[in-house]
Amino acid sequence: MINHQMKRILGLLRHALLANSNEDEFENVILTFFVLAKQYWGKGYMTEAAHLIVDWALNQDDVFRVSAFCDLENRASARVLEKIGMQKEGVLRRHTLHPNLSAEPRDVCVYAKIR
């Protein structure tokens, strides 16, 4: 994410189409990742960008689900996902390593939006 007026990189929003066990086929699921520089938190940048990308993805004929994970304690990221219409589906325990937070794997919430 780049703000051209400020000439600054604000963060990263990435989507990946998941492949199944047969590398030539896809699961029709997009996994969403995002990070935002701390000084831009709470300004709506990520909500706006994620909303556009998730809506675009779900308008593709072969995509039926967009999924995202966020740290169980990261309420701000969870709120972004909720604002763009994703629903919390559950918690994966000791799922993701966040070296900047802990040397141990952390619990994450699973969110998804489907069509």
N, C-alpha and C. Protein backbone atom coordinates (compact mmCIF):
# COMPACT_ATOMS: atom_id res chain seq x y z
N MET A 1 0.85 -1.17 0.00
CA MET A 1 0.00 0.00 0.00
C MET A 1 0.89 1.23 0.00
N ILE A 2 0.66 2.09 -0.95
CA ILE A 2 1.45 3.30 -1.07
C ILE A 2 0.51 4.50 -1.12
N ASN A 3 0.83 5.52 -0.35
CA ASN A 3 0.13 6.78 -0.45
C ASN A 3 0.99 7.68 -1.33
N HIS A 4 0.56 7.91 -2.55
CA HIS A 4 1.37 8.66 -3.51
C HIS A 4 1.48 10.13 -3.14
N GLN A 5 0.47 10.69 -2.48
CA GLN A 5 0.54 12.09 -2.06
C GLN A 5 1.61 12.29 -1.00
N MET A 6 1.69 11.36 -0.05
CA MET A 6 2.69 11.46 1.02
C MET A 6 4.02 10.85 0.59
N LYS A 7 4.03 10.11 -0.54
CA LYS A 7 5.22 9.41 -1.01
C LYS A 7 5.76 8.47 0.07
N ARG A 8 4.83 7.68 0.62
CA ARG A 8 5.18 6.76 1.71
C ARG A 8 4.55 5.39 1.48
N ILE A 9 5.27 4.36 1.90
CA ILE A 9 4.72 3.01 1.95
C ILE A 9 4.01 2.88 3.30
N LEU A 10 2.73 2.56 3.25
CA LEU A 10 1.93 2.46 4.46
C LEU A 10 1.91 1.05 5.02
N GLY A 11 1.91 0.06 4.14
CA GLY A 11 1.82 -1.32 4.59
C GLY A 11 1.77 -2.26 3.41
N LEU A 12 1.33 -3.48 3.70
CA LEU A 12 1.28 -4.53 2.70
C LEU A 12 -0.05 -5.26 2.82
N LEU A 13 -0.68 -5.51 1.70
CA LEU A 13 -1.91 -6.29 1.63
C LEU A 13 -1.66 -7.36 0.57
N ARG A 14 -1.70 -8.62 0.99
CA ARG A 14 -1.36 -9.71 0.07
C ARG A 14 -2.47 -10.76 0.06
N HIS A 15 -2.72 -11.30 -1.11
CA HIS A 15 -3.71 -12.37 -1.26
C HIS A 15 -3.07 -13.52 -2.01
N ALA A 16 -3.39 -14.73 -1.59
CA ALA A 16 -2.83 -15.92 -2.24
C ALA A 16 -3.95 -16.91 -2.53
N LEU A 17 -3.99 -17.39 -3.76
CA LEU A 17 -4.94 -18.44 -4.14
C LEU A 17 -4.36 -19.76 -3.68
N LEU A 18 -5.09 -20.47 -2.84
CA LEU A 18 -4.58 -21.71 -2.25
C LEU A 18 -4.67 -22.87 -3.23
N ALA A 19 -3.59 -23.61 -3.32
CA ALA A 19 -3.55 -24.82 -4.14
C ALA A 19 -3.87 -26.02 -3.26
N ASN A 20 -4.50 -27.03 -3.85
CA ASN A 20 -4.73 -28.27 -3.09
C ASN A 20 -3.54 -29.20 -3.29
N SER A 21 -3.69 -30.45 -2.91
CA SER A 21 -2.57 -31.39 -2.98
C SER A 21 -2.10 -31.63 -4.41
N ASN A 22 -2.98 -31.47 -5.39
CA ASN A 22 -2.59 -31.55 -6.79
C ASN A 22 -2.18 -30.14 -7.21
N GLU A 23 -0.91 -29.91 -7.45
CA GLU A 23 -0.40 -28.56 -7.68
C GLU A 23 -1.01 -27.87 -8.89
N ASP A 24 -1.68 -28.61 -9.76
CA ASP A 24 -2.29 -28.00 -10.94
C ASP A 24 -3.71 -27.51 -10.68
N GLU A 25 -4.23 -27.76 -9.51
CA GLU A 25 -5.60 -27.36 -9.19
C GLU A 25 -5.61 -26.42 -8.00
N PHE A 26 -6.63 -25.58 -7.93
CA PHE A 26 -6.76 -24.64 -6.83
C PHE A 26 -8.03 -24.92 -6.06
N GLU A 27 -8.06 -24.45 -4.80
CA GLU A 27 -9.18 -24.72 -3.92
C GLU A 27 -10.29 -23.68 -4.01
N ASN A 28 -10.16 -22.70 -4.86
CA ASN A 28 -11.13 -21.62 -4.99
C ASN A 28 -11.25 -20.82 -3.69
N VAL A 29 -10.14 -20.73 -2.97
CA VAL A 29 -10.07 -19.99 -1.72
C VAL A 29 -8.90 -19.03 -1.80
N ILE A 30 -9.13 -17.80 -1.37
CA ILE A 30 -8.05 -16.82 -1.29
C ILE A 30 -7.76 -16.55 0.17
N LEU A 31 -6.48 -16.59 0.53
CA LEU A 31 -6.04 -16.28 1.88
C LEU A 31 -5.48 -14.87 1.88
N THR A 32 -5.90 -14.07 2.85
CA THR A 32 -5.55 -12.65 2.92
C THR A 32 -4.58 -12.39 4.06
N PHE A 33 -3.56 -11.59 3.80
CA PHE A 33 -2.59 -11.17 4.81
C PHE A 33 -2.48 -9.66 4.74
N PHE A 34 -2.31 -9.00 5.89
CA PHE A 34 -2.01 -7.58 5.84
C PHE A 34 -1.21 -7.13 7.03
N VAL A 35 -0.39 -6.11 6.81
CA VAL A 35 0.35 -5.41 7.86
C VAL A 35 0.31 -3.93 7.52
N LEU A 36 0.34 -3.11 8.55
CA LEU A 36 0.28 -1.67 8.37
C LEU A 36 1.24 -1.02 9.35
N ALA A 37 2.01 -0.04 8.86
CA ALA A 37 2.93 0.67 9.74
C ALA A 37 2.15 1.32 10.88
N LYS A 38 2.71 1.25 12.07
CA LYS A 38 2.01 1.67 13.28
C LYS A 38 1.48 3.10 13.21
N GLN A 39 2.22 3.99 12.60
CA GLN A 39 1.78 5.39 12.57
C GLN A 39 0.51 5.59 11.73
N TYR A 40 0.10 4.56 10.97
CA TYR A 40 -1.10 4.67 10.14
C TYR A 40 -2.28 3.88 10.70
N TRP A 41 -2.11 3.25 11.87
CA TRP A 41 -3.20 2.51 12.50
C TRP A 41 -4.35 3.46 12.83
N GLY A 42 -5.57 2.95 12.72
CA GLY A 42 -6.75 3.70 13.14
C GLY A 42 -7.20 4.80 12.20
N LYS A 43 -6.67 4.83 11.00
CA LYS A 43 -7.02 5.87 10.04
C LYS A 43 -7.90 5.37 8.89
N GLY A 44 -8.23 4.07 8.90
CA GLY A 44 -9.11 3.50 7.90
C GLY A 44 -8.44 3.03 6.62
N TYR A 45 -7.13 3.17 6.53
CA TYR A 45 -6.43 2.77 5.31
C TYR A 45 -6.60 1.28 5.00
N MET A 46 -6.36 0.45 6.00
CA MET A 46 -6.42 -0.99 5.76
C MET A 46 -7.86 -1.45 5.52
N THR A 47 -8.81 -0.88 6.23
CA THR A 47 -10.21 -1.25 6.02
C THR A 47 -10.61 -0.96 4.58
N GLU A 48 -10.26 0.21 4.09
CA GLU A 48 -10.62 0.59 2.72
C GLU A 48 -9.95 -0.33 1.70
N ALA A 49 -8.66 -0.56 1.85
CA ALA A 49 -7.93 -1.39 0.89
C ALA A 49 -8.41 -2.85 0.93
N ALA A 50 -8.57 -3.39 2.13
CA ALA A 50 -9.00 -4.78 2.26
C ALA A 50 -10.41 -4.98 1.71
N HIS A 51 -11.28 -4.02 1.94
CA HIS A 51 -12.65 -4.11 1.43
C HIS A 51 -12.65 -4.19 -0.09
N LEU A 52 -11.87 -3.35 -0.74
CA LEU A 52 -11.80 -3.35 -2.21
C LEU A 52 -11.27 -4.68 -2.74
N ILE A 53 -10.20 -5.18 -2.14
CA ILE A 53 -9.59 -6.40 -2.62
C ILE A 53 -10.47 -7.62 -2.38
N VAL A 54 -11.07 -7.71 -1.19
CA VAL A 54 -11.93 -8.87 -0.88
C VAL A 54 -13.16 -8.87 -1.79
N ASP A 55 -13.77 -7.72 -1.99
CA ASP A 55 -14.92 -7.65 -2.89
C ASP A 55 -14.52 -8.02 -4.32
N TRP A 56 -13.36 -7.54 -4.77
CA TRP A 56 -12.88 -7.89 -6.11
C TRP A 56 -12.70 -9.41 -6.20
N ALA A 57 -12.05 -10.00 -5.20
CA ALA A 57 -11.77 -11.45 -5.22
C ALA A 57 -13.06 -12.24 -5.31
N LEU A 58 -14.07 -11.87 -4.52
CA LEU A 58 -15.31 -12.62 -4.51
C LEU A 58 -16.15 -12.41 -5.77
N ASN A 59 -15.79 -11.43 -6.58
CA ASN A 59 -16.46 -11.23 -7.87
C ASN A 59 -15.82 -12.05 -8.99
N GLN A 60 -14.73 -12.76 -8.68
CA GLN A 60 -14.11 -13.64 -9.67
C GLN A 60 -14.91 -14.93 -9.73
N ASP A 61 -15.15 -15.43 -10.95
CA ASP A 61 -16.00 -16.61 -11.13
C ASP A 61 -15.53 -17.84 -10.36
N ASP A 62 -14.21 -17.98 -10.20
CA ASP A 62 -13.70 -19.21 -9.59
C ASP A 62 -13.31 -19.06 -8.12
N VAL A 63 -13.69 -17.96 -7.48
CA VAL A 63 -13.39 -17.76 -6.06
C VAL A 63 -14.70 -17.76 -5.28
N PHE A 64 -14.76 -18.60 -4.26
CA PHE A 64 -15.97 -18.73 -3.46
C PHE A 64 -15.76 -18.36 -2.00
N ARG A 65 -14.49 -18.17 -1.61
CA ARG A 65 -14.19 -17.92 -0.20
C ARG A 65 -12.91 -17.10 -0.10
N VAL A 66 -12.93 -16.10 0.78
CA VAL A 66 -11.73 -15.37 1.16
C VAL A 66 -11.55 -15.58 2.66
N SER A 67 -10.37 -16.03 3.07
CA SER A 67 -10.09 -16.31 4.47
C SER A 67 -8.97 -15.41 4.98
N ALA A 68 -8.96 -15.21 6.29
CA ALA A 68 -7.89 -14.44 6.93
C ALA A 68 -7.71 -14.95 8.35
N PHE A 69 -6.50 -14.78 8.86
CA PHE A 69 -6.18 -15.10 10.24
C PHE A 69 -5.69 -13.84 10.91
N CYS A 70 -5.96 -13.70 12.20
CA CYS A 70 -5.33 -12.63 12.97
C CYS A 70 -5.06 -13.14 14.37
N ASP A 71 -4.03 -12.59 14.99
CA ASP A 71 -3.68 -12.98 16.34
C ASP A 71 -4.89 -12.79 17.26
N LEU A 72 -5.09 -13.72 18.14
CA LEU A 72 -6.24 -13.69 19.05
C LEU A 72 -6.32 -12.39 19.84
N GLU A 73 -5.18 -11.82 20.16
CA GLU A 73 -5.15 -10.59 20.97
C GLU A 73 -5.14 -9.32 20.13
N ASN A 74 -5.13 -9.45 18.80
CA ASN A 74 -5.07 -8.27 17.94
C ASN A 74 -6.49 -7.82 17.58
N ARG A 75 -7.11 -7.12 18.48
CA ARG A 75 -8.51 -6.69 18.31
C ARG A 75 -8.67 -5.74 17.13
N ALA A 76 -7.66 -4.91 16.86
CA ALA A 76 -7.77 -3.96 15.75
C ALA A 76 -7.86 -4.68 14.40
N SER A 77 -7.03 -5.70 14.20
CA SER A 77 -7.10 -6.46 12.95
C SER A 77 -8.42 -7.22 12.84
N ALA A 78 -8.87 -7.77 13.96
CA ALA A 78 -10.17 -8.46 13.95
C ALA A 78 -11.27 -7.49 13.56
N ARG A 79 -11.20 -6.27 14.04
CA ARG A 79 -12.22 -5.27 13.72
C ARG A 79 -12.18 -4.92 12.23
N VAL A 80 -11.01 -4.81 11.64
CA VAL A 80 -10.90 -4.57 10.19
C VAL A 80 -11.63 -5.68 9.44
N LEU A 81 -11.36 -6.92 9.80
CA LEU A 81 -11.99 -8.05 9.11
C LEU A 81 -13.51 -8.04 9.28
N GLU A 82 -13.97 -7.69 10.45
CA GLU A 82 -15.42 -7.61 10.69
C GLU A 82 -16.05 -6.47 9.89
N LYS A 83 -15.38 -5.33 9.82
CA LYS A 83 -15.90 -4.17 9.07
C LYS A 83 -16.07 -4.48 7.59
N ILE A 84 -15.23 -5.36 7.04
CA ILE A 84 -15.33 -5.67 5.60
C ILE A 84 -16.23 -6.87 5.34
N GLY A 85 -16.96 -7.29 6.38
CA GLY A 85 -17.97 -8.33 6.19
C GLY A 85 -17.51 -9.75 6.42
N MET A 86 -16.32 -9.92 6.96
CA MET A 86 -15.86 -11.28 7.26
C MET A 86 -16.45 -11.72 8.60
N GLN A 87 -16.68 -13.01 8.72
CA GLN A 87 -17.24 -13.56 9.95
C GLN A 87 -16.21 -14.44 10.63
N LYS A 88 -16.17 -14.34 11.95
CA LYS A 88 -15.26 -15.19 12.71
C LYS A 88 -15.78 -16.62 12.70
N GLU A 89 -14.89 -17.55 12.34
CA GLU A 89 -15.27 -18.96 12.26
C GLU A 89 -14.70 -19.79 13.39
N GLY A 90 -13.71 -19.29 14.09
CA GLY A 90 -13.15 -20.05 15.19
C GLY A 90 -11.74 -19.61 15.53
N VAL A 91 -11.10 -20.40 16.39
CA VAL A 91 -9.75 -20.12 16.86
C VAL A 91 -8.88 -21.35 16.59
N LEU A 92 -7.70 -21.11 16.05
CA LEU A 92 -6.70 -22.16 15.87
C LEU A 92 -5.64 -21.95 16.95
N ARG A 93 -5.50 -22.92 17.81
CA ARG A 93 -4.59 -22.80 18.95
C ARG A 93 -3.15 -23.09 18.55
N ARG A 94 -2.25 -22.26 19.07
CA ARG A 94 -0.80 -22.40 18.83
C ARG A 94 -0.51 -22.60 17.34
N HIS A 95 -1.05 -21.71 16.52
CA HIS A 95 -1.03 -21.85 15.07
C HIS A 95 0.11 -21.09 14.39
N THR A 96 0.36 -19.86 14.81
CA THR A 96 1.25 -18.99 14.05
C THR A 96 2.34 -18.42 14.95
N LEU A 97 3.56 -18.46 14.45
CA LEU A 97 4.68 -17.89 15.17
C LEU A 97 4.81 -16.42 14.80
N HIS A 98 4.80 -15.56 15.79
CA HIS A 98 5.02 -14.12 15.62
C HIS A 98 6.26 -13.77 16.43
N PRO A 99 7.47 -13.85 15.84
CA PRO A 99 8.71 -13.67 16.61
C PRO A 99 8.79 -12.32 17.32
N ASN A 100 8.11 -11.31 16.79
CA ASN A 100 8.14 -10.01 17.45
C ASN A 100 7.27 -9.97 18.71
N LEU A 101 6.41 -11.00 18.89
CA LEU A 101 5.54 -11.06 20.06
C LEU A 101 5.93 -12.17 21.03
N SER A 102 6.38 -13.30 20.50
CA SER A 102 6.65 -14.46 21.35
C SER A 102 7.48 -15.50 20.60
N ALA A 103 8.26 -16.25 21.35
CA ALA A 103 9.01 -17.36 20.76
C ALA A 103 8.12 -18.59 20.58
N GLU A 104 6.95 -18.58 21.16
CA GLU A 104 6.00 -19.68 21.08
C GLU A 104 4.92 -19.39 20.03
N PRO A 105 4.38 -20.41 19.36
CA PRO A 105 3.25 -20.18 18.44
C PRO A 105 2.07 -19.59 19.20
N ARG A 106 1.34 -18.73 18.54
CA ARG A 106 0.22 -18.02 19.17
C ARG A 106 -1.11 -18.48 18.58
N ASP A 107 -2.16 -18.30 19.35
CA ASP A 107 -3.51 -18.60 18.89
C ASP A 107 -3.94 -17.54 17.89
N VAL A 108 -4.68 -17.97 16.86
CA VAL A 108 -5.20 -17.03 15.86
C VAL A 108 -6.70 -17.25 15.66
N CYS A 109 -7.37 -16.19 15.30
CA CYS A 109 -8.77 -16.26 14.91
C CYS A 109 -8.84 -16.48 13.41
N VAL A 110 -9.80 -17.28 12.98
CA VAL A 110 -10.04 -17.53 11.55
C VAL A 110 -11.29 -16.75 11.14
N TYR A 111 -11.16 -15.96 10.10
CA TYR A 111 -12.28 -15.20 9.55
C TYR A 111 -12.46 -15.60 8.09
N ALA A 112 -13.68 -15.45 7.58
CA ALA A 112 -13.94 -15.73 6.17
C ALA A 112 -15.13 -14.94 5.69
N LYS A 113 -15.12 -14.70 4.39
CA LYS A 113 -16.28 -14.14 3.68
C LYS A 113 -16.49 -15.05 2.49
N ILE A 114 -17.74 -15.47 2.30
CA ILE A 114 -18.04 -16.41 1.22
C ILE A 114 -19.13 -15.85 0.32
N ARG A 115 -19.26 -16.49 -0.85
CA ARG A 115 -20.39 -16.14 -1.72
C ARG A 115 -21.05 -17.43 -2.18
